[in-house]
Amino acid sequence: LVAALPAVFSSSNSNLRSKQAVNALLIDLRQARLEAVSKGRIISFTVNPKTASYKTSEQTGWTILPDGVKISLLPNSPEPQLEETPHLIYFPDGSTSGGTLIVNNDKYSWRFTIGLNGKIAFEK
């Protein structure tokens, strides 16, 4: 029983880190929209599924998700996209190109549907 405790705590910590990363991602999505509106310019939100990371055009570095967490983006945009780094576009009027962002680990899956109006629907 005592030998099983580290595995339980490790799994619990991993899930906590995943949930914290999902919360930070939601904040970053909302921040990208806010920046587009407040700065009056287009802001892109780019995802790199290979490295489980994302960034906005305003960030200099990539935000890397915790080990075991995967991310993918299915954009609604009619414009061609590079498969390795799909992206959303936030416009100065608060609208977006739209898409579905999926984040998952071995236990949970989170889905963000970003509407053309810029609103985010979140489901676990």
C-alpha atoms as a PDB file:
ATOM      1  CA  LEU A   1       0.000   0.000   0.000  1.00  0.00           C
ATOM      2  CA  VAL A   2       2.774   2.438   0.898  1.00  0.00           C
ATOM      3  CA  ALA A   3       4.535   1.667  -2.385  1.00  0.00           C
ATOM      4  CA  ALA A   4       1.404   2.704  -4.313  1.00  0.00           C
ATOM      5  CA  LEU A   5       1.246   6.150  -2.674  1.00  0.00           C
ATOM      6  CA  PRO A   6       3.932   7.810  -4.843  1.00  0.00           C
ATOM      7  CA  ALA A   7       2.103   6.699  -8.015  1.00  0.00           C
ATOM      8  CA  VAL A   8      -1.193   8.117  -6.718  1.00  0.00           C
ATOM      9  CA  PHE A   9       0.405  11.439  -5.770  1.00  0.00           C
ATOM     10  CA  SER A  10       2.296  11.591  -9.063  1.00  0.00           C
ATOM     11  CA  SER A  11      -0.916  11.026 -11.030  1.00  0.00           C
ATOM     12  CA  SER A  12      -2.751  13.585  -8.910  1.00  0.00           C
ATOM     13  CA  ASN A  13       0.011  16.177  -9.423  1.00  0.00           C
ATOM     14  CA  SER A  14       0.023  15.496 -13.164  1.00  0.00           C
ATOM     15  CA  ASN A  15      -3.733  16.063 -13.399  1.00  0.00           C
ATOM     16  CA  LEU A  16      -3.447  19.237 -11.323  1.00  0.00           C
ATOM     17  CA  ARG A  17      -0.708  20.572 -13.633  1.00  0.00           C
ATOM     18  CA  SER A  18      -2.884  19.718 -16.651  1.00  0.00           C
ATOM     19  CA  LYS A  19      -5.888  21.564 -15.196  1.00  0.00           C
ATOM     20  CA  GLN A  20      -3.735  24.581 -14.355  1.00  0.00           C
ATOM     21  CA  ALA A  21      -2.380  24.605 -17.925  1.00  0.00           C
ATOM     22  CA  VAL A  22      -5.931  24.479 -19.329  1.00  0.00           C
ATOM     23  CA  ASN A  23      -6.949  27.423 -17.129  1.00  0.00           C
ATOM     24  CA  ALA A  24      -3.887  29.383 -18.293  1.00  0.00           C
ATOM     25  CA  LEU A  25      -4.740  28.543 -21.920  1.00  0.00           C
ATOM     26  CA  LEU A  26      -8.272  29.879 -21.485  1.00  0.00           C
ATOM     27  CA  ILE A  27      -6.862  33.093 -20.013  1.00  0.00           C
ATOM     28  CA  ASP A  28      -4.402  33.400 -22.926  1.00  0.00           C
ATOM     29  CA  LEU A  29      -7.206  32.943 -25.484  1.00  0.00           C
ATOM     30  CA  ARG A  30      -9.242  35.684 -23.826  1.00  0.00           C
ATOM     31  CA  GLN A  31      -6.160  37.896 -23.560  1.00  0.00           C
ATOM     32  CA  ALA A  32      -5.468  37.510 -27.293  1.00  0.00           C
ATOM     33  CA  ARG A  33      -8.974  38.769 -28.093  1.00  0.00           C
ATOM     34  CA  LEU A  34      -8.624  41.650 -25.630  1.00  0.00           C
ATOM     35  CA  GLU A  35      -5.291  42.667 -27.161  1.00  0.00           C
ATOM     36  CA  ALA A  36      -6.731  42.620 -30.679  1.00  0.00           C
ATOM     37  CA  VAL A  37      -9.552  44.929 -29.609  1.00  0.00           C
ATOM     38  CA  SER A  38      -7.525  47.248 -27.369  1.00  0.00           C
ATOM     39  CA  LYS A  39      -4.571  47.572 -29.776  1.00  0.00           C
ATOM     40  CA  GLY A  40      -6.750  47.742 -32.883  1.00  0.00           C
ATOM     41  CA  ARG A  41      -4.796  45.108 -34.779  1.00  0.00           C
ATOM     42  CA  ILE A  42      -4.900  41.458 -35.755  1.00  0.00           C
ATOM     43  CA  ILE A  43      -3.516  38.986 -33.216  1.00  0.00           C
ATOM     44  CA  SER A  44      -2.824  35.384 -34.175  1.00  0.00           C
ATOM     45  CA  PHE A  45      -3.000  32.459 -31.749  1.00  0.00           C
ATOM     46  CA  THR A  46      -0.776  29.660 -33.037  1.00  0.00           C
ATOM     47  CA  VAL A  47      -0.644  26.043 -31.864  1.00  0.00           C
ATOM     48  CA  ASN A  48       2.217  23.600 -32.360  1.00  0.00           C
ATOM     49  CA  PRO A  49       0.855  20.082 -31.732  1.00  0.00           C
ATOM     50  CA  LYS A  50       4.293  18.492 -32.175  1.00  0.00           C
ATOM     51  CA  THR A  51       5.747  20.354 -29.210  1.00  0.00           C
ATOM     52  CA  ALA A  52       2.458  20.677 -27.254  1.00  0.00           C
ATOM     53  CA  SER A  53       2.825  24.439 -27.186  1.00  0.00           C
ATOM     54  CA  TYR A  54       1.111  27.658 -28.235  1.00  0.00           C
ATOM     55  CA  LYS A  55       1.756  31.390 -28.529  1.00  0.00           C
ATOM     56  CA  THR A  56       0.203  34.614 -29.696  1.00  0.00           C
ATOM     57  CA  SER A  57       1.780  36.988 -32.171  1.00  0.00           C
ATOM     58  CA  GLU A  58       2.414  39.289 -29.183  1.00  0.00           C
ATOM     59  CA  GLN A  59       4.491  36.692 -27.301  1.00  0.00           C
ATOM     60  CA  THR A  60       8.168  36.134 -27.980  1.00  0.00           C
ATOM     61  CA  GLY A  61       8.254  32.548 -26.725  1.00  0.00           C
ATOM     62  CA  TRP A  62       6.056  29.484 -26.793  1.00  0.00           C
ATOM     63  CA  THR A  63       4.008  28.334 -23.807  1.00  0.00           C
ATOM     64  CA  ILE A  64       4.826  24.647 -23.378  1.00  0.00           C
ATOM     65  CA  LEU A  65       2.176  22.427 -21.849  1.00  0.00           C
ATOM     66  CA  PRO A  66       3.089  19.913 -19.107  1.00  0.00           C
ATOM     67  CA  ASP A  67       4.406  16.460 -20.015  1.00  0.00           C
ATOM     68  CA  GLY A  68       1.669  14.150 -21.260  1.00  0.00           C
ATOM     69  CA  VAL A  69      -0.638  16.983 -22.344  1.00  0.00           C
ATOM     70  CA  LYS A  70      -1.506  17.236 -26.036  1.00  0.00           C
ATOM     71  CA  ILE A  71      -3.029  20.132 -27.957  1.00  0.00           C
ATOM     72  CA  SER A  72      -4.641  20.412 -31.374  1.00  0.00           C
ATOM     73  CA  LEU A  73      -6.500  23.110 -33.250  1.00  0.00           C
ATOM     74  CA  LEU A  74      -9.108  22.651 -35.949  1.00  0.00           C
ATOM     75  CA  PRO A  75      -9.455  26.112 -37.500  1.00  0.00           C
ATOM     76  CA  ASN A  76     -12.589  27.286 -39.314  1.00  0.00           C
ATOM     77  CA  SER A  77     -10.504  29.583 -41.456  1.00  0.00           C
ATOM     78  CA  PRO A  78     -10.830  29.227 -45.231  1.00  0.00           C
ATOM     79  CA  GLU A  79      -7.250  30.415 -45.668  1.00  0.00           C
ATOM     80  CA  PRO A  80      -4.587  27.728 -46.154  1.00  0.00           C
ATOM     81  CA  GLN A  81      -2.716  26.834 -42.990  1.00  0.00           C
ATOM     82  CA  LEU A  82       0.544  25.091 -42.338  1.00  0.00           C
ATOM     83  CA  GLU A  83      -0.334  21.721 -40.872  1.00  0.00           C
ATOM     84  CA  GLU A  84       2.378  21.949 -38.208  1.00  0.00           C
ATOM     85  CA  THR A  85       1.163  25.231 -36.741  1.00  0.00           C
ATOM     86  CA  PRO A  86      -2.551  25.896 -37.202  1.00  0.00           C
ATOM     87  CA  HIS A  87      -3.749  29.244 -35.884  1.00  0.00           C
ATOM     88  CA  LEU A  88      -6.726  31.385 -34.980  1.00  0.00           C
ATOM     89  CA  ILE A  89      -6.952  35.020 -35.990  1.00  0.00           C
ATOM     90  CA  TYR A  90      -8.407  37.611 -33.610  1.00  0.00           C
ATOM     91  CA  PHE A  91      -9.618  40.781 -35.335  1.00  0.00           C
ATOM     92  CA  PRO A  92      -9.782  44.315 -33.884  1.00  0.00           C
ATOM     93  CA  ASP A  93     -13.597  44.164 -33.742  1.00  0.00           C
ATOM     94  CA  GLY A  94     -13.410  41.166 -31.356  1.00  0.00           C
ATOM     95  CA  SER A  95     -14.344  38.553 -33.933  1.00  0.00           C
ATOM     96  CA  THR A  96     -12.158  35.566 -34.827  1.00  0.00           C
ATOM     97  CA  SER A  97     -11.511  33.150 -37.645  1.00  0.00           C
ATOM     98  CA  GLY A  98     -13.015  30.552 -35.286  1.00  0.00           C
ATOM     99  CA  GLY A  99     -12.058  26.999 -34.545  1.00  0.00           C
ATOM    100  CA  THR A 100     -11.957  24.195 -32.033  1.00  0.00           C
ATOM    101  CA  LEU A 101      -9.044  23.757 -29.654  1.00  0.00           C
ATOM    102  CA  ILE A 102      -8.660  20.360 -27.990  1.00  0.00           C
ATOM    103  CA  VAL A 103      -6.385  19.717 -25.023  1.00  0.00           C
ATOM    104  CA  ASN A 104      -6.072  16.281 -23.474  1.00  0.00           C
ATOM    105  CA  ASN A 105      -4.012  14.057 -21.252  1.00  0.00           C
ATOM    106  CA  ASP A 106      -4.372  10.364 -20.450  1.00  0.00           C
ATOM    107  CA  LYS A 107      -7.359  11.004 -18.159  1.00  0.00           C
ATOM    108  CA  TYR A 108      -9.205  14.145 -19.340  1.00  0.00           C
ATOM    109  CA  SER A 109     -10.093  16.007 -22.504  1.00  0.00           C
ATOM    110  CA  TRP A 110     -10.996  19.694 -22.719  1.00  0.00           C
ATOM    111  CA  ARG A 111     -12.629  21.315 -25.739  1.00  0.00           C
ATOM    112  CA  PHE A 112     -12.685  25.035 -26.493  1.00  0.00           C
ATOM    113  CA  THR A 113     -14.981  26.116 -29.317  1.00  0.00           C
ATOM    114  CA  ILE A 114     -14.046  29.607 -30.408  1.00  0.00           C
ATOM    115  CA  GLY A 115     -16.927  31.225 -32.263  1.00  0.00           C
ATOM    116  CA  LEU A 116     -16.655  33.696 -35.110  1.00  0.00           C
ATOM    117  CA  ASN A 117     -17.917  36.318 -32.656  1.00  0.00           C
ATOM    118  CA  GLY A 118     -14.872  35.661 -30.420  1.00  0.00           C
ATOM    119  CA  LYS A 119     -16.821  33.948 -27.626  1.00  0.00           C
ATOM    120  CA  ILE A 120     -15.370  30.779 -26.152  1.00  0.00           C
ATOM    121  CA  ALA A 121     -17.494  27.760 -25.244  1.00  0.00           C
ATOM    122  CA  PHE A 122     -15.640  25.382 -22.931  1.00  0.00           C
ATOM    123  CA  GLU A 123     -16.478  21.767 -22.194  1.00  0.00           C
ATOM    124  CA  LYS A 124     -14.682  19.020 -20.334  1.00  0.00           C
END
